Amino acid sequence: MDSLMELQNKVALVTGGAQGIGKTISEELVRNGAHVVLGDVNLEGAQATAEAINNSGGSASAVKIDVSNPAEVKQVFDSIMKDKKPVDILINNAGITRDGLMIRMKEVDWDIVLNINLKGSFLCSQQAAKQMMKQKSGAIVNIASIVGVMGNFGQANYSASKAGVIGLTKTLAREVASRGIRVNAVAPGFIDTEMTRVLDESVRQSLIEQIPMAKLGLPEDVARCVAFLVSDRSSYITGQVINVNGGMLM
């Protein structure tokens, strides 16, 4: 596995790391020299991804985590510190959708999306910040979304959760900057993943027509941005939301 080694001796936790954008972010951080802990409710998937990374010459491990469960989140951070060292890098990527028109949306679908996407980012950031403050360094990147800025038809819960992630990012960045911790967010636009591949071709085409660069983004586009934000190359950047959307939102 080719490595830039910028993140050598760093321990990174990537939530939702078993598949999709989280998997690609994990692979990119490993390429940069980090040991990545893939946290996911899908432990088998996380273990398979970790095994593939290790077989390619990288360093990864897997852990089961429900980011909306405070006790489970604390236990995961405690175990990483015991087994490895305090977490240097946190990527809050775990997220779900439960789409539907707001007027007909069930309360349970509102709650579960906010619990995982927003509360999960809060709980993990809280535990990470406690460890990072002791070592006076660290980087947190929250995966937000273009819809957290502009909204989206049928996604009141998801849009609200991602708008909340942006607010959380900016506030936490202010609170921990003096402790040597940087907090940023990446807001992807429409990325070519399993989620967008199931869309009807006419829907995909109408999305592409709204993007000035006339194509969907790739998970690697998001991952490279994340890797930059957790590296020393971005040492004077905090509290920012980086849009990775092909110009769809400017």
C-alpha atoms as a PDB file:
ATOM      1  CA  MET A   1       0.000   0.000   0.000  1.00  0.00           C
ATOM      2  CA  ASP A   2       1.563   3.312  -1.131  1.00  0.00           C
ATOM      3  CA  SER A   3       2.008   5.650   1.806  1.00  0.00           C
ATOM      4  CA  LEU A   4       2.731   9.340   2.256  1.00  0.00           C
ATOM      5  CA  MET A   5       3.332   8.653   5.964  1.00  0.00           C
ATOM      6  CA  GLU A   6       2.089  12.110   7.012  1.00  0.00           C
ATOM      7  CA  LEU A   7      -0.023  10.493   9.725  1.00  0.00           C
ATOM      8  CA  GLN A   8       2.527   7.977  10.991  1.00  0.00           C
ATOM      9  CA  ASN A   9       2.022   7.007  14.665  1.00  0.00           C
ATOM     10  CA  LYS A  10      -1.465   8.561  14.640  1.00  0.00           C
ATOM     11  CA  VAL A  11      -4.549   6.632  15.729  1.00  0.00           C
ATOM     12  CA  ALA A  12      -7.755   7.495  13.871  1.00  0.00           C
ATOM     13  CA  LEU A  13     -11.317   6.392  14.622  1.00  0.00           C
ATOM     14  CA  VAL A  14     -13.649   6.450  11.620  1.00  0.00           C
ATOM     15  CA  THR A  15     -17.311   5.851  12.478  1.00  0.00           C
ATOM     16  CA  GLY A  16     -19.395   4.187   9.794  1.00  0.00           C
ATOM     17  CA  GLY A  17     -16.123   2.853   8.430  1.00  0.00           C
ATOM     18  CA  ALA A  18     -17.312  -0.503   7.108  1.00  0.00           C
ATOM     19  CA  GLN A  19     -18.469   0.678   3.698  1.00  0.00           C
ATOM     20  CA  GLY A  20     -19.072   3.596   1.371  1.00  0.00           C
ATOM     21  CA  ILE A  21     -17.407   6.938   2.020  1.00  0.00           C
ATOM     22  CA  GLY A  22     -16.275   5.838   5.502  1.00  0.00           C
ATOM     23  CA  LYS A  23     -14.407   2.865   4.051  1.00  0.00           C
ATOM     24  CA  THR A  24     -12.687   5.060   1.465  1.00  0.00           C
ATOM     25  CA  ILE A  25     -11.729   7.625   4.127  1.00  0.00           C
ATOM     26  CA  SER A  26     -10.259   4.818   6.247  1.00  0.00           C
ATOM     27  CA  GLU A  27      -8.189   3.544   3.326  1.00  0.00           C
ATOM     28  CA  GLU A  28      -6.903   7.057   2.595  1.00  0.00           C
ATOM     29  CA  LEU A  29      -5.854   7.671   6.213  1.00  0.00           C
ATOM     30  CA  VAL A  30      -4.055   4.319   6.269  1.00  0.00           C
ATOM     31  CA  ARG A  31      -2.235   5.268   3.058  1.00  0.00           C
ATOM     32  CA  ASN A  32      -1.052   8.352   4.916  1.00  0.00           C
ATOM     33  CA  GLY A  33       0.410   6.213   7.712  1.00  0.00           C
ATOM     34  CA  ALA A  34      -2.325   6.177  10.369  1.00  0.00           C
ATOM     35  CA  HIS A  35      -3.613   3.168  12.269  1.00  0.00           C
ATOM     36  CA  VAL A  36      -7.361   3.286  11.639  1.00  0.00           C
ATOM     37  CA  VAL A  37     -10.015   1.880  13.948  1.00  0.00           C
ATOM     38  CA  LEU A  38     -13.123   1.208  11.878  1.00  0.00           C
ATOM     39  CA  GLY A  39     -16.167   1.715  14.090  1.00  0.00           C
ATOM     40  CA  ASP A  40     -19.498   0.457  12.819  1.00  0.00           C
ATOM     41  CA  VAL A  41     -22.721  -1.216  13.965  1.00  0.00           C
ATOM     42  CA  ASN A  42     -21.913  -3.725  11.232  1.00  0.00           C
ATOM     43  CA  LEU A  43     -18.958  -5.394  12.960  1.00  0.00           C
ATOM     44  CA  GLU A  44     -18.556  -8.098  10.298  1.00  0.00           C
ATOM     45  CA  GLY A  45     -18.312  -5.463   7.579  1.00  0.00           C
ATOM     46  CA  ALA A  46     -15.805  -3.433   9.594  1.00  0.00           C
ATOM     47  CA  GLN A  47     -13.717  -6.550  10.250  1.00  0.00           C
ATOM     48  CA  ALA A  48     -13.702  -7.430   6.536  1.00  0.00           C
ATOM     49  CA  THR A  49     -12.545  -3.920   5.611  1.00  0.00           C
ATOM     50  CA  ALA A  50      -9.867  -3.971   8.336  1.00  0.00           C
ATOM     51  CA  GLU A  51      -8.652  -7.368   7.131  1.00  0.00           C
ATOM     52  CA  ALA A  52      -8.385  -6.123   3.534  1.00  0.00           C
ATOM     53  CA  ILE A  53      -6.402  -3.076   4.697  1.00  0.00           C
ATOM     54  CA  ASN A  54      -4.041  -5.221   6.769  1.00  0.00           C
ATOM     55  CA  ASN A  55      -3.557  -7.658   3.877  1.00  0.00           C
ATOM     56  CA  SER A  56      -2.546  -4.677   1.708  1.00  0.00           C
ATOM     57  CA  GLY A  57       0.177  -3.684   4.153  1.00  0.00           C
ATOM     58  CA  GLY A  58      -1.781  -1.111   6.140  1.00  0.00           C
ATOM     59  CA  SER A  59      -2.761  -1.047   9.802  1.00  0.00           C
ATOM     60  CA  ALA A  60      -6.409  -1.257  10.843  1.00  0.00           C
ATOM     61  CA  SER A  61      -8.699  -2.794  13.425  1.00  0.00           C
ATOM     62  CA  ALA A  62     -12.466  -3.017  13.834  1.00  0.00           C
ATOM     63  CA  VAL A  63     -14.845  -2.296  16.679  1.00  0.00           C
ATOM     64  CA  LYS A  64     -18.618  -2.404  17.061  1.00  0.00           C
ATOM     65  CA  ILE A  65     -20.090   0.966  17.968  1.00  0.00           C
ATOM     66  CA  ASP A  66     -23.594   2.377  18.158  1.00  0.00           C
ATOM     67  CA  VAL A  67     -22.738   6.084  18.097  1.00  0.00           C
ATOM     68  CA  SER A  68     -26.089   7.015  19.666  1.00  0.00           C
ATOM     69  CA  ASN A  69     -25.340   4.960  22.801  1.00  0.00           C
ATOM     70  CA  PRO A  70     -23.315   7.046  25.324  1.00  0.00           C
ATOM     71  CA  ALA A  71     -22.026   4.061  27.320  1.00  0.00           C
ATOM     72  CA  GLU A  72     -20.937   2.200  24.189  1.00  0.00           C
ATOM     73  CA  VAL A  73     -19.179   5.274  22.790  1.00  0.00           C
ATOM     74  CA  LYS A  74     -17.252   5.814  26.034  1.00  0.00           C
ATOM     75  CA  GLN A  75     -16.295   2.131  26.188  1.00  0.00           C
ATOM     76  CA  VAL A  76     -14.907   2.241  22.633  1.00  0.00           C
ATOM     77  CA  PHE A  77     -12.765   5.310  23.325  1.00  0.00           C
ATOM     78  CA  ASP A  78     -11.527   3.807  26.602  1.00  0.00           C
ATOM     79  CA  SER A  79     -10.599   0.548  24.862  1.00  0.00           C
ATOM     80  CA  ILE A  80      -8.708   2.352  22.063  1.00  0.00           C
ATOM     81  CA  MET A  81      -6.704   4.284  24.648  1.00  0.00           C
ATOM     82  CA  LYS A  82      -5.964   1.071  26.560  1.00  0.00           C
ATOM     83  CA  ASP A  83      -5.039  -0.999  23.478  1.00  0.00           C
ATOM     84  CA  LYS A  84      -3.246   1.667  21.435  1.00  0.00           C
ATOM     85  CA  LYS A  85      -3.063   5.269  22.665  1.00  0.00           C
ATOM     86  CA  PRO A  86      -5.442   8.232  22.904  1.00  0.00           C
ATOM     87  CA  VAL A  87      -7.306   8.973  19.692  1.00  0.00           C
ATOM     88  CA  ASP A  88      -5.458  11.541  17.550  1.00  0.00           C
ATOM     89  CA  ILE A  89      -8.037  11.772  14.781  1.00  0.00           C
ATOM     90  CA  LEU A  90     -11.822  11.367  14.823  1.00  0.00           C
ATOM     91  CA  ILE A  91     -13.926  11.174  11.664  1.00  0.00           C
ATOM     92  CA  ASN A  92     -17.644  11.389  12.468  1.00  0.00           C
ATOM     93  CA  ASN A  93     -18.977   9.685   9.365  1.00  0.00           C
ATOM     94  CA  ALA A  94     -21.718   7.356  10.674  1.00  0.00           C
ATOM     95  CA  GLY A  95     -25.078   8.406   9.317  1.00  0.00           C
ATOM     96  CA  ILE A  96     -28.425   7.130   8.058  1.00  0.00           C
ATOM     97  CA  THR A  97     -31.405   8.396   6.081  1.00  0.00           C
ATOM     98  CA  ARG A  98     -35.123   7.831   6.606  1.00  0.00           C
ATOM     99  CA  ASP A  99     -36.609   9.939   3.823  1.00  0.00           C
ATOM    100  CA  GLY A 100     -40.193  11.144   3.552  1.00  0.00           C
ATOM    101  CA  LEU A 101     -42.249  14.319   3.277  1.00  0.00           C
ATOM    102  CA  MET A 102     -42.144  16.216   6.558  1.00  0.00           C
ATOM    103  CA  ILE A 103     -45.927  16.457   6.793  1.00  0.00           C
ATOM    104  CA  ARG A 104     -46.140  12.646   6.857  1.00  0.00           C
ATOM    105  CA  MET A 105     -42.842  11.870   8.603  1.00  0.00           C
ATOM    106  CA  LYS A 106     -43.092   9.567  11.606  1.00  0.00           C
ATOM    107  CA  GLU A 107     -41.561  10.786  14.836  1.00  0.00           C
ATOM    108  CA  VAL A 108     -39.494   7.603  15.077  1.00  0.00           C
ATOM    109  CA  ASP A 109     -37.893   8.383  11.689  1.00  0.00           C
ATOM    110  CA  TRP A 110     -37.082  11.916  12.839  1.00  0.00           C
ATOM    111  CA  ASP A 111     -35.599  10.683  16.121  1.00  0.00           C
ATOM    112  CA  ILE A 112     -33.397   7.905  14.758  1.00  0.00           C
ATOM    113  CA  VAL A 113     -31.789  10.136  12.117  1.00  0.00           C
ATOM    114  CA  LEU A 114     -31.079  12.925  14.615  1.00  0.00           C
ATOM    115  CA  ASN A 115     -29.828  10.408  17.183  1.00  0.00           C
ATOM    116  CA  ILE A 116     -27.278   8.792  14.889  1.00  0.00           C
ATOM    117  CA  ASN A 117     -26.253  11.703  12.664  1.00  0.00           C
ATOM    118  CA  LEU A 118     -26.174  14.535  15.204  1.00  0.00           C
ATOM    119  CA  LYS A 119     -26.201  13.051  18.703  1.00  0.00           C
ATOM    120  CA  GLY A 120     -23.664  10.446  17.557  1.00  0.00           C
ATOM    121  CA  SER A 121     -21.304  13.179  16.351  1.00  0.00           C
ATOM    122  CA  PHE A 122     -21.748  14.991  19.672  1.00  0.00           C
ATOM    123  CA  LEU A 123     -21.066  11.907  21.816  1.00  0.00           C
ATOM    124  CA  CYS A 124     -17.989  10.829  19.844  1.00  0.00           C
ATOM    125  CA  SER A 125     -16.599  14.374  19.683  1.00  0.00           C
ATOM    126  CA  GLN A 126     -17.056  14.764  23.433  1.00  0.00           C
ATOM    127  CA  GLN A 127     -15.051  11.618  24.188  1.00  0.00           C
ATOM    128  CA  ALA A 128     -12.396  12.445  21.593  1.00  0.00           C
ATOM    129  CA  ALA A 129     -11.982  16.009  22.874  1.00  0.00           C
ATOM    130  CA  LYS A 130     -11.399  14.753  26.417  1.00  0.00           C
ATOM    131  CA  GLN A 131      -8.539  12.541  25.221  1.00  0.00           C
ATOM    132  CA  MET A 132      -7.133  15.152  22.845  1.00  0.00           C
ATOM    133  CA  MET A 133      -7.135  17.902  25.474  1.00  0.00           C
ATOM    134  CA  LYS A 134      -4.790  15.839  27.642  1.00  0.00           C
ATOM    135  CA  GLN A 135      -2.271  15.563  24.815  1.00  0.00           C
ATOM    136  CA  LYS A 136      -2.934  19.134  23.595  1.00  0.00           C
ATOM    137  CA  SER A 137      -3.407  18.055  19.995  1.00  0.00           C
ATOM    138  CA  GLY A 138      -5.945  16.393  17.755  1.00  0.00           C
ATOM    139  CA  ALA A 139      -8.149  16.752  14.702  1.00  0.00           C
ATOM    140  CA  ILE A 140     -11.862  16.103  14.307  1.00  0.00           C
ATOM    141  CA  VAL A 141     -13.631  16.061  10.946  1.00  0.00           C
ATOM    142  CA  ASN A 142     -17.404  15.811  10.796  1.00  0.00           C
ATOM    143  CA  ILE A 143     -19.049  14.581   7.610  1.00  0.00           C
ATOM    144  CA  ALA A 144     -21.892  17.003   6.963  1.00  0.00           C
ATOM    145  CA  SER A 145     -23.763  17.302   3.641  1.00  0.00           C
ATOM    146  CA  ILE A 146     -24.760  19.784   0.970  1.00  0.00           C
ATOM    147  CA  VAL A 147     -28.362  19.320   2.150  1.00  0.00           C
ATOM    148  CA  GLY A 148     -27.404  20.634   5.586  1.00  0.00           C
ATOM    149  CA  VAL A 149     -26.827  23.984   3.886  1.00  0.00           C
ATOM    150  CA  MET A 150     -29.499  24.086   1.171  1.00  0.00           C
ATOM    151  CA  GLY A 151     -32.138  21.576   2.355  1.00  0.00           C
ATOM    152  CA  ASN A 152     -33.620  18.829   0.214  1.00  0.00           C
ATOM    153  CA  PHE A 153     -37.112  17.713  -0.693  1.00  0.00           C
ATOM    154  CA  GLY A 154     -38.166  14.757   1.484  1.00  0.00           C
ATOM    155  CA  GLN A 155     -35.177  14.999   3.819  1.00  0.00           C
ATOM    156  CA  ALA A 156     -36.261  17.267   6.678  1.00  0.00           C
ATOM    157  CA  ASN A 157     -34.713  14.945   9.278  1.00  0.00           C
ATOM    158  CA  TYR A 158     -31.449  14.363   7.386  1.00  0.00           C
ATOM    159  CA  SER A 159     -31.068  18.049   6.418  1.00  0.00           C
ATOM    160  CA  ALA A 160     -31.712  19.164   9.998  1.00  0.00           C
ATOM    161  CA  SER A 161     -29.209  16.638  11.357  1.00  0.00           C
ATOM    162  CA  LYS A 162     -26.485  17.782   8.957  1.00  0.00           C
ATOM    163  CA  ALA A 163     -27.202  21.467   9.598  1.00  0.00           C
ATOM    164  CA  GLY A 164     -26.791  20.601  13.283  1.00  0.00           C
ATOM    165  CA  VAL A 165     -23.458  18.915  12.543  1.00  0.00           C
ATOM    166  CA  ILE A 166     -22.254  22.158  10.943  1.00  0.00           C
ATOM    167  CA  GLY A 167     -23.291  24.155  14.022  1.00  0.00           C
ATOM    168  CA  LEU A 168     -21.619  21.593  16.287  1.00  0.00           C
ATOM    169  CA  THR A 169     -18.425  21.821  14.222  1.00  0.00           C
ATOM    170  CA  LYS A 170     -18.168  25.606  14.491  1.00  0.00           C
ATOM    171  CA  THR A 171     -18.962  25.702  18.213  1.00  0.00           C
ATOM    172  CA  LEU A 172     -16.600  22.898  19.201  1.00  0.00           C
ATOM    173  CA  ALA A 173     -13.848  24.464  17.075  1.00  0.00           C
ATOM    174  CA  ARG A 174     -14.127  27.655  19.139  1.00  0.00           C
ATOM    175  CA  GLU A 175     -14.137  25.761  22.435  1.00  0.00           C
ATOM    176  CA  VAL A 176     -11.068  23.592  21.857  1.00  0.00           C
ATOM    177  CA  ALA A 177      -8.830  25.688  19.593  1.00  0.00           C
ATOM    178  CA  SER A 178      -6.724  26.910  22.516  1.00  0.00           C
ATOM    179  CA  ARG A 179      -6.029  23.262  23.429  1.00  0.00           C
ATOM    180  CA  GLY A 180      -4.402  22.510  20.080  1.00  0.00           C
ATOM    181  CA  ILE A 181      -7.440  20.706  18.641  1.00  0.00           C
ATOM    182  CA  ARG A 182      -8.853  21.529  15.224  1.00  0.00           C
ATOM    183  CA  VAL A 183     -12.459  20.776  14.211  1.00  0.00           C
ATOM    184  CA  ASN A 184     -13.712  21.014  10.633  1.00  0.00           C
ATOM    185  CA  ALA A 185     -16.485  19.585   8.488  1.00  0.00           C
ATOM    186  CA  VAL A 186     -16.657  18.271   4.948  1.00  0.00           C
ATOM    187  CA  ALA A 187     -19.993  18.714   3.177  1.00  0.00           C
ATOM    188  CA  PRO A 188     -20.203  16.314   0.231  1.00  0.00           C
ATOM    189  CA  GLY A 189     -22.596  16.924  -2.619  1.00  0.00           C
ATOM    190  CA  PHE A 190     -23.941  13.990  -4.595  1.00  0.00           C
ATOM    191  CA  ILE A 191     -21.331  11.238  -4.494  1.00  0.00           C
ATOM    192  CA  ASP A 192     -21.298   8.042  -6.566  1.00  0.00           C
ATOM    193  CA  THR A 193     -22.009   5.473  -3.846  1.00  0.00           C
ATOM    194  CA  GLU A 194     -24.428   2.582  -3.309  1.00  0.00           C
ATOM    195  CA  MET A 195     -26.970   5.158  -2.131  1.00  0.00           C
ATOM    196  CA  THR A 196     -26.973   7.110  -5.410  1.00  0.00           C
ATOM    197  CA  ARG A 197     -26.557   4.053  -7.660  1.00  0.00           C
ATOM    198  CA  VAL A 198     -30.034   2.808  -6.725  1.00  0.00           C
ATOM    199  CA  LEU A 199     -31.612   6.024  -8.029  1.00  0.00           C
ATOM    200  CA  ASP A 200     -33.537   5.882 -11.270  1.00  0.00           C
ATOM    201  CA  GLU A 201     -31.302   6.888 -14.204  1.00  0.00           C
ATOM    202  CA  SER A 202     -33.525   9.884 -14.992  1.00  0.00           C
ATOM    203  CA  VAL A 203     -33.142  11.104 -11.383  1.00  0.00           C
ATOM    204  CA  ARG A 204     -29.357  10.663 -11.556  1.00  0.00           C
ATOM    205  CA  GLN A 205     -29.276  12.584 -14.819  1.00  0.00           C
ATOM    206  CA  SER A 206     -31.338  15.462 -13.416  1.00  0.00           C
ATOM    207  CA  LEU A 207     -28.922  15.683 -10.477  1.00  0.00           C
ATOM    208  CA  ILE A 208     -25.921  15.773 -12.794  1.00  0.00           C
ATOM    209  CA  GLU A 209     -27.536  18.588 -14.791  1.00  0.00           C
ATOM    210  CA  GLN A 210     -27.530  20.723 -11.613  1.00  0.00           C
ATOM    211  CA  ILE A 211     -23.769  20.239 -11.103  1.00  0.00           C
ATOM    212  CA  PRO A 212     -21.504  22.692 -12.981  1.00  0.00           C
ATOM    213  CA  MET A 213     -18.784  20.020 -13.280  1.00  0.00           C
ATOM    214  CA  ALA A 214     -21.447  17.746 -14.876  1.00  0.00           C
ATOM    215  CA  LYS A 215     -20.627  14.592 -12.923  1.00  0.00           C
ATOM    216  CA  LEU A 216     -21.151  12.954  -9.541  1.00  0.00           C
ATOM    217  CA  GLY A 217     -18.277  13.072  -7.100  1.00  0.00           C
ATOM    218  CA  LEU A 218     -16.273  10.030  -6.036  1.00  0.00           C
ATOM    219  CA  PRO A 219     -15.740   8.800  -2.459  1.00  0.00           C
ATOM    220  CA  GLU A 220     -12.025   9.457  -3.069  1.00  0.00           C
ATOM    221  CA  ASP A 221     -12.775  13.180  -3.551  1.00  0.00           C
ATOM    222  CA  VAL A 222     -14.196  13.311  -0.024  1.00  0.00           C
ATOM    223  CA  ALA A 223     -11.467  11.101   1.442  1.00  0.00           C
ATOM    224  CA  ARG A 224      -8.604  13.222   0.090  1.00  0.00           C
ATOM    225  CA  CYS A 225     -10.194  16.358   1.547  1.00  0.00           C
ATOM    226  CA  VAL A 226     -10.544  14.653   4.944  1.00  0.00           C
ATOM    227  CA  ALA A 227      -6.920  13.484   4.848  1.00  0.00           C
ATOM    228  CA  PHE A 228      -5.801  17.061   4.183  1.00  0.00           C
ATOM    229  CA  LEU A 229      -7.865  18.422   7.075  1.00  0.00           C
ATOM    230  CA  VAL A 230      -6.354  15.995   9.611  1.00  0.00           C
ATOM    231  CA  SER A 231      -2.779  16.567   8.411  1.00  0.00           C
ATOM    232  CA  ASP A 232      -0.297  19.259   9.399  1.00  0.00           C
ATOM    233  CA  ARG A 233      -0.817  20.810   5.962  1.00  0.00           C
ATOM    234  CA  SER A 234      -4.051  22.300   7.348  1.00  0.00           C
ATOM    235  CA  SER A 235      -2.602  23.328  10.718  1.00  0.00           C
ATOM    236  CA  TYR A 236      -4.153  26.836  10.579  1.00  0.00           C
ATOM    237  CA  ILE A 237      -7.617  25.713   9.475  1.00  0.00           C
ATOM    238  CA  THR A 238     -10.402  25.176  12.009  1.00  0.00           C
ATOM    239  CA  GLY A 239     -14.139  25.765  12.227  1.00  0.00           C
ATOM    240  CA  GLN A 240     -14.541  25.483   8.463  1.00  0.00           C
ATOM    241  CA  VAL A 241     -17.000  23.625   6.250  1.00  0.00           C
ATOM    242  CA  ILE A 242     -15.360  22.449   3.039  1.00  0.00           C
ATOM    243  CA  ASN A 243     -17.851  21.860   0.234  1.00  0.00           C
ATOM    244  CA  VAL A 244     -17.028  18.924  -2.046  1.00  0.00           C
ATOM    245  CA  ASN A 245     -19.860  19.168  -4.539  1.00  0.00           C
ATOM    246  CA  GLY A 246     -18.611  19.946  -8.063  1.00  0.00           C
ATOM    247  CA  GLY A 247     -19.921  23.502  -7.784  1.00  0.00           C
ATOM    248  CA  MET A 248     -23.547  22.546  -7.101  1.00  0.00           C
ATOM    249  CA  LEU A 249     -23.506  24.919  -4.128  1.00  0.00           C
ATOM    250  CA  MET A 250     -21.157  27.896  -4.165  1.00  0.00           C
END
